[in-house]
Amino acid sequence: MLLLPLMDNSFKTLIDSAQEVLILLPQKPNLDQVASGLSLYLSFLGSGKDVTISCPVAMTAEFSRLIGVDKITGNLGDKNLIIKFVNYNATDVDKVSYDIENSQFKLTISPKVGFKSPTKDQIEVSYAGGSSDFVVLVGGTSESDFPVLQTLDFASSKIIHLGTRLLEIENKDLQVLSFAQSASSISEIVAGLIKEGGFVLDPDIATNLIVGIESESKNFQSSEVTVNTFETFTELLKLGGLRFKKVPTSTFPQGSIPNKPYNQVNQLPINPVIQDRQMTPEEAEEEIQQDIPPSWSEPKIFTGTSVS
């Protein structure tokens, strides 16, 4: 069941009350979704929260420019250590206790009188996922984009969704609080939520959000771009966020094949390799001004009808 946000369920209130936060990315995340998810992760971490970010697929080179991408895990099943005794009657156990000796944890299994303790061969050690009391779903179109919702128990967890469209929920037992809204990108939405909540927004977080906004808005050419998009982007630059300089690549007309003798040996480039470099805030702000359509700066004339 999909719930819409209520006045007493503000983003800040929900995060402040959370003990453990789990951020889930969809099965096929794009750059905007990963950038916004990592921005939340870094912000919550900087605010002192116990936070984990997970994605069901491995990160590719496309996301390597994002700060903190190495913190994304694909395994949520290693938080709790489980010790099980195989082929051992549990009723033979009298008590279980633990001690701390020389800073080492010691677990003691005491059997009842007349019974034996479990043998080493009967001990089985495994791991199980922990239950976070607060879950953030980033992007996606339906609950099927987040397979972990079907495998782990989130009955006692508060779940919210961040996106530019509502998430389709078929499981009636799954309650999701939606913060979806129209915007150029999820990164734009996250930037606003972090700012309104007073959470950490440092240059690293600002840089990730800048990458997400530029990617999803198609360099501000998307029809979803608004004045708020430019204002948010400019503010992120002022906070120390950096843009990545785009290196032009050689192109050929569609269908053409560059001519080269069949026996010509490829030569190594003699010029130094030009790598992406980060733009200074001044360069970035100058470029964004060039991206703004002329119509944005023209005076607007509004007409209306009077109400008697």
C-alpha atoms as a PDB file:
ATOM      1  CA  MET A   1       0.000   0.000   0.000  1.00  0.00           C
ATOM      2  CA  LEU A   2       1.347   3.426  -0.907  1.00  0.00           C
ATOM      3  CA  LEU A   3       0.979   6.236   1.584  1.00  0.00           C
ATOM      4  CA  LEU A   4       1.399   9.902   0.805  1.00  0.00           C
ATOM      5  CA  PRO A   5       3.434  12.179   3.072  1.00  0.00           C
ATOM      6  CA  LEU A   6       1.654  13.671   6.071  1.00  0.00           C
ATOM      7  CA  MET A   7       2.469  16.928   7.827  1.00  0.00           C
ATOM      8  CA  ASP A   8       3.792  15.144  10.938  1.00  0.00           C
ATOM      9  CA  ASN A   9       5.952  12.854   8.819  1.00  0.00           C
ATOM     10  CA  SER A  10       8.513  15.382   7.625  1.00  0.00           C
ATOM     11  CA  PHE A  11      11.776  14.046   6.239  1.00  0.00           C
ATOM     12  CA  LYS A  12      13.781  15.567   9.085  1.00  0.00           C
ATOM     13  CA  THR A  13      11.480  14.157  11.774  1.00  0.00           C
ATOM     14  CA  LEU A  14      11.693  10.671  10.300  1.00  0.00           C
ATOM     15  CA  ILE A  15      15.481  10.705   9.989  1.00  0.00           C
ATOM     16  CA  ASP A  16      16.005  12.178  13.458  1.00  0.00           C
ATOM     17  CA  SER A  17      13.981   9.348  14.997  1.00  0.00           C
ATOM     18  CA  ALA A  18      15.822   6.598  13.077  1.00  0.00           C
ATOM     19  CA  GLN A  19      18.519   4.477  14.711  1.00  0.00           C
ATOM     20  CA  GLU A  20      19.708   2.484  11.692  1.00  0.00           C
ATOM     21  CA  VAL A  21      19.150   3.746   8.147  1.00  0.00           C
ATOM     22  CA  LEU A  22      19.270   1.504   5.078  1.00  0.00           C
ATOM     23  CA  ILE A  23      19.426   3.170   1.644  1.00  0.00           C
ATOM     24  CA  LEU A  24      18.379   0.873  -1.203  1.00  0.00           C
ATOM     25  CA  LEU A  25      19.192   1.504  -4.868  1.00  0.00           C
ATOM     26  CA  PRO A  26      17.144  -0.188  -7.637  1.00  0.00           C
ATOM     27  CA  GLN A  27      18.274  -3.154  -9.746  1.00  0.00           C
ATOM     28  CA  LYS A  28      19.344  -1.055 -12.720  1.00  0.00           C
ATOM     29  CA  PRO A  29      20.365   2.292 -11.234  1.00  0.00           C
ATOM     30  CA  ASN A  30      21.310   5.271 -13.348  1.00  0.00           C
ATOM     31  CA  LEU A  31      23.871   7.934 -12.480  1.00  0.00           C
ATOM     32  CA  ASP A  32      21.306  10.221 -10.842  1.00  0.00           C
ATOM     33  CA  GLN A  33      19.974   7.483  -8.564  1.00  0.00           C
ATOM     34  CA  VAL A  34      23.429   6.400  -7.395  1.00  0.00           C
ATOM     35  CA  ALA A  35      24.561  10.019  -6.958  1.00  0.00           C
ATOM     36  CA  SER A  36      21.528  10.946  -4.855  1.00  0.00           C
ATOM     37  CA  GLY A  37      21.737   7.731  -2.820  1.00  0.00           C
ATOM     38  CA  LEU A  38      25.412   8.311  -2.036  1.00  0.00           C
ATOM     39  CA  SER A  39      24.678  11.924  -1.137  1.00  0.00           C
ATOM     40  CA  LEU A  40      22.135  10.756   1.431  1.00  0.00           C
ATOM     41  CA  TYR A  41      24.587   8.158   2.733  1.00  0.00           C
ATOM     42  CA  LEU A  42      27.395  10.700   3.211  1.00  0.00           C
ATOM     43  CA  SER A  43      25.038  13.265   4.736  1.00  0.00           C
ATOM     44  CA  PHE A  44      23.510  10.839   7.256  1.00  0.00           C
ATOM     45  CA  LEU A  45      26.955   9.452   8.085  1.00  0.00           C
ATOM     46  CA  GLY A  46      28.224  12.963   8.728  1.00  0.00           C
ATOM     47  CA  SER A  47      25.207  13.570  10.957  1.00  0.00           C
ATOM     48  CA  GLY A  48      26.180  10.628  13.165  1.00  0.00           C
ATOM     49  CA  LYS A  49      23.701   8.053  11.863  1.00  0.00           C
ATOM     50  CA  ASP A  50      24.331   4.312  11.518  1.00  0.00           C
ATOM     51  CA  VAL A  51      23.734   4.043   7.777  1.00  0.00           C
ATOM     52  CA  THR A  52      24.201   1.431   5.034  1.00  0.00           C
ATOM     53  CA  ILE A  53      23.750   1.814   1.276  1.00  0.00           C
ATOM     54  CA  SER A  54      23.084  -1.236  -0.883  1.00  0.00           C
ATOM     55  CA  CYS A  55      22.486  -2.136  -4.524  1.00  0.00           C
ATOM     56  CA  PRO A  56      21.648  -5.606  -5.916  1.00  0.00           C
ATOM     57  CA  VAL A  57      24.092  -5.148  -8.820  1.00  0.00           C
ATOM     58  CA  ALA A  58      27.793  -4.295  -8.845  1.00  0.00           C
ATOM     59  CA  MET A  59      28.881  -0.742  -9.609  1.00  0.00           C
ATOM     60  CA  THR A  60      30.418  -0.188 -13.055  1.00  0.00           C
ATOM     61  CA  ALA A  61      32.990   2.320 -14.334  1.00  0.00           C
ATOM     62  CA  GLU A  62      30.151   4.737 -15.107  1.00  0.00           C
ATOM     63  CA  PHE A  63      29.813   5.486 -11.401  1.00  0.00           C
ATOM     64  CA  SER A  64      33.530   5.687 -10.569  1.00  0.00           C
ATOM     65  CA  ARG A  65      33.544   9.485 -10.484  1.00  0.00           C
ATOM     66  CA  LEU A  66      31.057   9.542  -7.597  1.00  0.00           C
ATOM     67  CA  ILE A  67      32.487  10.089  -4.136  1.00  0.00           C
ATOM     68  CA  GLY A  68      31.882   7.175  -1.770  1.00  0.00           C
ATOM     69  CA  VAL A  69      30.912   4.651  -4.462  1.00  0.00           C
ATOM     70  CA  ASP A  70      33.109   2.040  -2.744  1.00  0.00           C
ATOM     71  CA  LYS A  71      30.749   2.130   0.240  1.00  0.00           C
ATOM     72  CA  ILE A  72      27.891   0.572  -1.728  1.00  0.00           C
ATOM     73  CA  THR A  73      27.443  -3.053  -0.708  1.00  0.00           C
ATOM     74  CA  GLY A  74      25.598  -5.846  -2.446  1.00  0.00           C
ATOM     75  CA  ASN A  75      25.348  -8.032   0.635  1.00  0.00           C
ATOM     76  CA  LEU A  76      22.992  -7.215   3.475  1.00  0.00           C
ATOM     77  CA  GLY A  77      23.303 -10.625   5.039  1.00  0.00           C
ATOM     78  CA  ASP A  78      26.489 -10.171   7.044  1.00  0.00           C
ATOM     79  CA  LYS A  79      25.441  -7.903   9.878  1.00  0.00           C
ATOM     80  CA  ASN A  80      24.497 -10.465  12.553  1.00  0.00           C
ATOM     81  CA  LEU A  81      26.566 -13.515  13.505  1.00  0.00           C
ATOM     82  CA  ILE A  82      24.483 -16.672  13.955  1.00  0.00           C
ATOM     83  CA  ILE A  83      25.792 -19.709  15.879  1.00  0.00           C
ATOM     84  CA  LYS A  84      23.771 -22.894  15.481  1.00  0.00           C
ATOM     85  CA  PHE A  85      24.234 -26.402  16.901  1.00  0.00           C
ATOM     86  CA  VAL A  86      23.436 -29.049  14.297  1.00  0.00           C
ATOM     87  CA  ASN A  87      21.877 -32.331  15.466  1.00  0.00           C
ATOM     88  CA  TYR A  88      21.916 -31.192  19.077  1.00  0.00           C
ATOM     89  CA  ASN A  89      18.833 -31.207  21.288  1.00  0.00           C
ATOM     90  CA  ALA A  90      18.221 -27.626  22.393  1.00  0.00           C
ATOM     91  CA  THR A  91      16.507 -28.835  25.586  1.00  0.00           C
ATOM     92  CA  ASP A  92      19.856 -30.225  26.768  1.00  0.00           C
ATOM     93  CA  VAL A  93      21.132 -26.672  27.257  1.00  0.00           C
ATOM     94  CA  ASP A  94      20.884 -25.340  30.790  1.00  0.00           C
ATOM     95  CA  LYS A  95      22.048 -21.767  30.235  1.00  0.00           C
ATOM     96  CA  VAL A  96      23.933 -19.494  27.859  1.00  0.00           C
ATOM     97  CA  SER A  97      26.239 -16.792  29.202  1.00  0.00           C
ATOM     98  CA  TYR A  98      29.039 -14.548  28.020  1.00  0.00           C
ATOM     99  CA  ASP A  99      32.095 -12.851  29.509  1.00  0.00           C
ATOM    100  CA  ILE A 100      34.635 -10.274  28.400  1.00  0.00           C
ATOM    101  CA  GLU A 101      38.171 -11.466  29.172  1.00  0.00           C
ATOM    102  CA  ASN A 102      41.197  -9.418  28.117  1.00  0.00           C
ATOM    103  CA  SER A 103      38.953  -7.464  25.741  1.00  0.00           C
ATOM    104  CA  GLN A 104      37.845 -10.725  24.116  1.00  0.00           C
ATOM    105  CA  PHE A 105      34.265 -11.945  23.924  1.00  0.00           C
ATOM    106  CA  LYS A 106      33.650 -15.450  25.303  1.00  0.00           C
ATOM    107  CA  LEU A 107      30.353 -17.298  24.881  1.00  0.00           C
ATOM    108  CA  THR A 108      29.641 -20.207  27.242  1.00  0.00           C
ATOM    109  CA  ILE A 109      27.072 -22.951  26.610  1.00  0.00           C
ATOM    110  CA  SER A 110      26.331 -24.916  29.796  1.00  0.00           C
ATOM    111  CA  PRO A 111      24.443 -28.238  29.413  1.00  0.00           C
ATOM    112  CA  LYS A 112      22.097 -29.670  31.987  1.00  0.00           C
ATOM    113  CA  VAL A 113      23.438 -32.125  34.532  1.00  0.00           C
ATOM    114  CA  GLY A 114      24.005 -35.502  32.904  1.00  0.00           C
ATOM    115  CA  PHE A 115      24.077 -34.125  29.353  1.00  0.00           C
ATOM    116  CA  LYS A 116      27.010 -33.319  27.056  1.00  0.00           C
ATOM    117  CA  SER A 117      27.947 -30.010  25.481  1.00  0.00           C
ATOM    118  CA  PRO A 118      27.798 -29.629  21.690  1.00  0.00           C
ATOM    119  CA  THR A 119      30.898 -30.872  19.883  1.00  0.00           C
ATOM    120  CA  LYS A 120      32.996 -28.739  17.527  1.00  0.00           C
ATOM    121  CA  ASP A 121      31.586 -30.672  14.576  1.00  0.00           C
ATOM    122  CA  GLN A 122      28.053 -29.647  15.591  1.00  0.00           C
ATOM    123  CA  ILE A 123      28.838 -25.933  15.583  1.00  0.00           C
ATOM    124  CA  GLU A 124      27.656 -24.072  12.476  1.00  0.00           C
ATOM    125  CA  VAL A 125      28.477 -20.390  12.035  1.00  0.00           C
ATOM    126  CA  SER A 126      26.631 -18.141   9.591  1.00  0.00           C
ATOM    127  CA  TYR A 127      25.513 -14.563   9.095  1.00  0.00           C
ATOM    128  CA  ALA A 128      22.106 -12.973   8.750  1.00  0.00           C
ATOM    129  CA  GLY A 129      20.935  -9.543   7.731  1.00  0.00           C
ATOM    130  CA  GLY A 130      20.075  -7.020  10.383  1.00  0.00           C
ATOM    131  CA  SER A 131      16.788  -5.174  10.493  1.00  0.00           C
ATOM    132  CA  SER A 132      17.038  -1.422   9.951  1.00  0.00           C
ATOM    133  CA  ASP A 133      14.289   0.637  11.504  1.00  0.00           C
ATOM    134  CA  PHE A 134      14.329   3.097   8.588  1.00  0.00           C
ATOM    135  CA  VAL A 135      14.590   2.278   4.874  1.00  0.00           C
ATOM    136  CA  VAL A 136      14.995   4.750   1.997  1.00  0.00           C
ATOM    137  CA  LEU A 137      14.107   3.557  -1.516  1.00  0.00           C
ATOM    138  CA  VAL A 138      15.807   5.665  -4.200  1.00  0.00           C
ATOM    139  CA  GLY A 139      14.259   5.750  -7.683  1.00  0.00           C
ATOM    140  CA  GLY A 140      12.693   2.707  -9.292  1.00  0.00           C
ATOM    141  CA  THR A 141       9.229   2.309 -10.776  1.00  0.00           C
ATOM    142  CA  SER A 142       7.825  -0.555  -8.692  1.00  0.00           C
ATOM    143  CA  GLU A 143       8.630  -2.696  -5.666  1.00  0.00           C
ATOM    144  CA  SER A 144      10.140  -5.328  -7.989  1.00  0.00           C
ATOM    145  CA  ASP A 145      13.093  -2.972  -8.516  1.00  0.00           C
ATOM    146  CA  PHE A 146      14.059  -3.684  -4.903  1.00  0.00           C
ATOM    147  CA  PRO A 147      14.291  -7.513  -4.546  1.00  0.00           C
ATOM    148  CA  VAL A 148      15.452  -7.269  -0.940  1.00  0.00           C
ATOM    149  CA  LEU A 149      11.940  -6.154   0.036  1.00  0.00           C
ATOM    150  CA  GLN A 150      10.822  -9.713  -0.687  1.00  0.00           C
ATOM    151  CA  THR A 151      13.640 -11.467   1.179  1.00  0.00           C
ATOM    152  CA  LEU A 152      14.103  -9.482   4.387  1.00  0.00           C
ATOM    153  CA  ASP A 153      11.521  -8.656   7.019  1.00  0.00           C
ATOM    154  CA  PHE A 154      10.751  -4.940   7.091  1.00  0.00           C
ATOM    155  CA  ALA A 155       7.457  -5.237   8.955  1.00  0.00           C
ATOM    156  CA  SER A 156       8.750  -3.102  11.824  1.00  0.00           C
ATOM    157  CA  SER A 157      10.629  -0.651   9.593  1.00  0.00           C
ATOM    158  CA  LYS A 158       9.501   2.718   8.308  1.00  0.00           C
ATOM    159  CA  ILE A 159       9.970   2.849   4.537  1.00  0.00           C
ATOM    160  CA  ILE A 160      10.050   5.994   2.404  1.00  0.00           C
ATOM    161  CA  HIS A 161      10.516   6.459  -1.324  1.00  0.00           C
ATOM    162  CA  LEU A 162      12.343   9.273  -3.104  1.00  0.00           C
ATOM    163  CA  GLY A 163      11.802   9.738  -6.821  1.00  0.00           C
ATOM    164  CA  THR A 164      10.383  11.873  -9.598  1.00  0.00           C
ATOM    165  CA  ARG A 165       7.388   9.543  -9.934  1.00  0.00           C
ATOM    166  CA  LEU A 166       5.305   7.432  -7.571  1.00  0.00           C
ATOM    167  CA  LEU A 167       6.420   3.885  -6.847  1.00  0.00           C
ATOM    168  CA  GLU A 168       3.930   1.154  -7.780  1.00  0.00           C
ATOM    169  CA  ILE A 169       3.284  -1.101  -4.777  1.00  0.00           C
ATOM    170  CA  GLU A 170       1.283  -4.318  -5.188  1.00  0.00           C
ATOM    171  CA  ASN A 171       2.050  -5.857  -1.798  1.00  0.00           C
ATOM    172  CA  LYS A 172      -0.764  -4.640   0.457  1.00  0.00           C
ATOM    173  CA  ASP A 173       1.290  -5.426   3.553  1.00  0.00           C
ATOM    174  CA  LEU A 174       4.082  -3.103   2.443  1.00  0.00           C
ATOM    175  CA  GLN A 175       3.538   0.484   3.556  1.00  0.00           C
ATOM    176  CA  VAL A 176       5.680   3.093   1.851  1.00  0.00           C
ATOM    177  CA  LEU A 177       5.663   6.802   2.593  1.00  0.00           C
ATOM    178  CA  SER A 178       6.199   8.673  -0.675  1.00  0.00           C
ATOM    179  CA  PHE A 179       8.299  11.811  -1.028  1.00  0.00           C
ATOM    180  CA  ALA A 180       8.130  11.617  -4.824  1.00  0.00           C
ATOM    181  CA  GLN A 181       7.692  14.926  -6.619  1.00  0.00           C
ATOM    182  CA  SER A 182       8.176  16.486 -10.026  1.00  0.00           C
ATOM    183  CA  ALA A 183      11.766  17.626 -10.559  1.00  0.00           C
ATOM    184  CA  SER A 184      14.617  17.477 -13.047  1.00  0.00           C
ATOM    185  CA  SER A 185      16.240  14.679 -11.046  1.00  0.00           C
ATOM    186  CA  ILE A 186      16.228  12.837  -7.742  1.00  0.00           C
ATOM    187  CA  SER A 187      19.463  14.652  -6.924  1.00  0.00           C
ATOM    188  CA  GLU A 188      17.579  17.949  -7.061  1.00  0.00           C
ATOM    189  CA  ILE A 189      14.980  16.548  -4.644  1.00  0.00           C
ATOM    190  CA  VAL A 190      17.638  15.193  -2.281  1.00  0.00           C
ATOM    191  CA  ALA A 191      19.488  18.513  -2.278  1.00  0.00           C
ATOM    192  CA  GLY A 192      16.311  20.221  -1.085  1.00  0.00           C
ATOM    193  CA  LEU A 193      15.581  17.607   1.593  1.00  0.00           C
ATOM    194  CA  ILE A 194      19.124  17.742   2.972  1.00  0.00           C
ATOM    195  CA  LYS A 195      19.018  21.535   3.099  1.00  0.00           C
ATOM    196  CA  GLU A 196      15.573  21.710   4.708  1.00  0.00           C
ATOM    197  CA  GLY A 197      16.519  19.078   7.280  1.00  0.00           C
ATOM    198  CA  GLY A 198      19.721  20.850   8.232  1.00  0.00           C
ATOM    199  CA  PHE A 199      21.805  17.749   7.485  1.00  0.00           C
ATOM    200  CA  VAL A 200      25.455  17.799   6.450  1.00  0.00           C
ATOM    201  CA  LEU A 201      26.019  19.202   2.951  1.00  0.00           C
ATOM    202  CA  ASP A 202      29.765  19.411   2.309  1.00  0.00           C
ATOM    203  CA  PRO A 203      31.689  19.803  -0.995  1.00  0.00           C
ATOM    204  CA  ASP A 204      31.800  16.020  -1.594  1.00  0.00           C
ATOM    205  CA  ILE A 205      28.032  15.700  -1.241  1.00  0.00           C
ATOM    206  CA  ALA A 206      27.487  18.804  -3.371  1.00  0.00           C
ATOM    207  CA  THR A 207      29.721  17.339  -6.095  1.00  0.00           C
ATOM    208  CA  ASN A 208      27.714  14.105  -6.218  1.00  0.00           C
ATOM    209  CA  LEU A 209      24.460  16.042  -6.456  1.00  0.00           C
ATOM    210  CA  ILE A 210      25.868  18.201  -9.258  1.00  0.00           C
ATOM    211  CA  VAL A 211      26.802  15.074 -11.233  1.00  0.00           C
ATOM    212  CA  GLY A 212      23.307  13.659 -10.733  1.00  0.00           C
ATOM    213  CA  ILE A 213      21.498  16.831 -11.765  1.00  0.00           C
ATOM    214  CA  GLU A 214      23.604  17.354 -14.895  1.00  0.00           C
ATOM    215  CA  SER A 215      23.201  13.736 -15.972  1.00  0.00           C
ATOM    216  CA  GLU A 216      19.457  13.353 -15.447  1.00  0.00           C
ATOM    217  CA  SER A 217      18.572  16.827 -16.776  1.00  0.00           C
ATOM    218  CA  LYS A 218      20.649  16.148 -19.907  1.00  0.00           C
ATOM    219  CA  ASN A 219      22.765  19.225 -19.205  1.00  0.00           C
ATOM    220  CA  PHE A 220      19.654  21.291 -18.417  1.00  0.00           C
ATOM    221  CA  GLN A 221      17.928  20.475 -21.714  1.00  0.00           C
ATOM    222  CA  SER A 222      15.188  18.353 -20.107  1.00  0.00           C
ATOM    223  CA  SER A 223      11.633  19.698 -20.068  1.00  0.00           C
ATOM    224  CA  GLU A 224      11.585  19.026 -16.310  1.00  0.00           C
ATOM    225  CA  VAL A 225      14.194  21.730 -15.671  1.00  0.00           C
ATOM    226  CA  THR A 226      12.805  24.692 -13.741  1.00  0.00           C
ATOM    227  CA  VAL A 227      14.087  27.838 -12.074  1.00  0.00           C
ATOM    228  CA  ASN A 228      14.526  25.765  -8.905  1.00  0.00           C
ATOM    229  CA  THR A 229      16.903  23.456 -10.797  1.00  0.00           C
ATOM    230  CA  PHE A 230      19.237  26.346 -11.652  1.00  0.00           C
ATOM    231  CA  GLU A 231      18.967  27.830  -8.161  1.00  0.00           C
ATOM    232  CA  THR A 232      19.781  24.471  -6.562  1.00  0.00           C
ATOM    233  CA  PHE A 233      22.687  23.888  -8.944  1.00  0.00           C
ATOM    234  CA  THR A 234      24.168  27.329  -8.315  1.00  0.00           C
ATOM    235  CA  GLU A 235      23.893  26.881  -4.550  1.00  0.00           C
ATOM    236  CA  LEU A 236      25.698  23.530  -4.763  1.00  0.00           C
ATOM    237  CA  LEU A 237      28.531  25.244  -6.636  1.00  0.00           C
ATOM    238  CA  LYS A 238      28.759  27.887  -3.920  1.00  0.00           C
ATOM    239  CA  LEU A 239      28.977  25.120  -1.313  1.00  0.00           C
ATOM    240  CA  GLY A 240      32.125  23.820  -2.998  1.00  0.00           C
ATOM    241  CA  GLY A 241      30.631  21.282  -5.380  1.00  0.00           C
ATOM    242  CA  LEU A 242      32.658  20.644  -8.535  1.00  0.00           C
ATOM    243  CA  ARG A 243      31.729  19.943 -12.132  1.00  0.00           C
ATOM    244  CA  PHE A 244      33.743  17.572 -14.297  1.00  0.00           C
ATOM    245  CA  LYS A 245      35.179  19.094 -17.459  1.00  0.00           C
ATOM    246  CA  LYS A 246      33.913  17.252 -20.512  1.00  0.00           C
ATOM    247  CA  VAL A 247      36.606  16.247 -23.001  1.00  0.00           C
ATOM    248  CA  PRO A 248      35.396  16.501 -26.638  1.00  0.00           C
ATOM    249  CA  THR A 249      35.714  13.322 -28.681  1.00  0.00           C
ATOM    250  CA  SER A 250      36.277  13.002 -32.441  1.00  0.00           C
ATOM    251  CA  THR A 251      33.134  12.202 -34.359  1.00  0.00           C
ATOM    252  CA  PHE A 252      32.401  11.049 -37.888  1.00  0.00           C
ATOM    253  CA  PRO A 253      29.249  11.396 -40.018  1.00  0.00           C
ATOM    254  CA  GLN A 254      26.741   8.640 -39.393  1.00  0.00           C
ATOM    255  CA  GLY A 255      27.632   5.518 -41.393  1.00  0.00           C
ATOM    256  CA  SER A 256      31.134   6.687 -42.311  1.00  0.00           C
ATOM    257  CA  ILE A 257      34.254   4.588 -41.734  1.00  0.00           C
ATOM    258  CA  PRO A 258      37.632   6.339 -41.338  1.00  0.00           C
ATOM    259  CA  ASN A 259      40.067   5.321 -44.092  1.00  0.00           C
ATOM    260  CA  LYS A 260      43.281   3.518 -43.065  1.00  0.00           C
ATOM    261  CA  PRO A 261      45.529   1.152 -45.054  1.00  0.00           C
ATOM    262  CA  TYR A 262      44.932  -2.445 -44.045  1.00  0.00           C
ATOM    263  CA  ASN A 263      48.602  -2.942 -43.167  1.00  0.00           C
ATOM    264  CA  GLN A 264      48.998   0.261 -41.166  1.00  0.00           C
ATOM    265  CA  VAL A 265      50.140  -0.350 -37.605  1.00  0.00           C
ATOM    266  CA  ASN A 266      48.357   1.553 -34.858  1.00  0.00           C
ATOM    267  CA  GLN A 267      50.721   4.085 -33.341  1.00  0.00           C
ATOM    268  CA  LEU A 268      50.750   4.989 -29.692  1.00  0.00           C
ATOM    269  CA  PRO A 269      49.675   8.585 -29.089  1.00  0.00           C
ATOM    270  CA  ILE A 270      52.618  10.932 -28.678  1.00  0.00           C
ATOM    271  CA  ASN A 271      50.560  13.611 -26.977  1.00  0.00           C
ATOM    272  CA  PRO A 272      49.859  13.368 -23.267  1.00  0.00           C
ATOM    273  CA  VAL A 273      46.501  11.835 -22.404  1.00  0.00           C
ATOM    274  CA  ILE A 274      43.928  14.461 -21.513  1.00  0.00           C
ATOM    275  CA  GLN A 275      41.908  13.368 -18.511  1.00  0.00           C
ATOM    276  CA  ASP A 276      38.730  14.763 -17.067  1.00  0.00           C
ATOM    277  CA  ARG A 277      39.493  17.579 -14.700  1.00  0.00           C
ATOM    278  CA  GLN A 278      37.231  19.224 -12.201  1.00  0.00           C
ATOM    279  CA  MET A 279      36.068  22.732 -12.998  1.00  0.00           C
ATOM    280  CA  THR A 280      36.510  25.595 -10.596  1.00  0.00           C
ATOM    281  CA  PRO A 281      33.312  27.150  -9.198  1.00  0.00           C
ATOM    282  CA  GLU A 282      33.945  30.258 -11.341  1.00  0.00           C
ATOM    283  CA  GLU A 283      34.245  28.219 -14.559  1.00  0.00           C
ATOM    284  CA  ALA A 284      31.218  26.153 -13.659  1.00  0.00           C
ATOM    285  CA  GLU A 285      29.003  29.129 -12.875  1.00  0.00           C
ATOM    286  CA  GLU A 286      30.040  30.805 -16.141  1.00  0.00           C
ATOM    287  CA  GLU A 287      29.144  27.660 -18.111  1.00  0.00           C
ATOM    288  CA  ILE A 288      25.780  27.213 -16.418  1.00  0.00           C
ATOM    289  CA  GLN A 289      24.865  30.788 -17.357  1.00  0.00           C
ATOM    290  CA  GLN A 290      25.490  29.803 -20.981  1.00  0.00           C
ATOM    291  CA  ASP A 291      23.198  26.783 -20.557  1.00  0.00           C
ATOM    292  CA  ILE A 292      20.252  28.901 -19.414  1.00  0.00           C
ATOM    293  CA  PRO A 293      17.809  29.489 -22.306  1.00  0.00           C
ATOM    294  CA  PRO A 294      17.422  33.199 -23.241  1.00  0.00           C
ATOM    295  CA  SER A 295      13.721  33.008 -22.399  1.00  0.00           C
ATOM    296  CA  TRP A 296      14.534  32.515 -18.712  1.00  0.00           C
ATOM    297  CA  SER A 297      16.039  36.021 -18.466  1.00  0.00           C
ATOM    298  CA  GLU A 298      13.326  37.800 -20.461  1.00  0.00           C
ATOM    299  CA  PRO A 299      10.712  39.744 -18.482  1.00  0.00           C
ATOM    300  CA  LYS A 300       7.470  37.830 -17.987  1.00  0.00           C
ATOM    301  CA  ILE A 301       4.031  39.426 -18.389  1.00  0.00           C
ATOM    302  CA  PHE A 302       1.149  37.686 -16.673  1.00  0.00           C
ATOM    303  CA  THR A 303      -2.518  38.470 -17.230  1.00  0.00           C
ATOM    304  CA  GLY A 304      -5.444  37.414 -15.147  1.00  0.00           C
ATOM    305  CA  THR A 305      -9.045  38.100 -14.361  1.00  0.00           C
ATOM    306  CA  SER A 306     -10.256  40.108 -11.430  1.00  0.00           C
ATOM    307  CA  VAL A 307     -12.371  38.451  -8.779  1.00  0.00           C
ATOM    308  CA  SER A 308     -15.321  40.451  -7.575  1.00  0.00           C
END
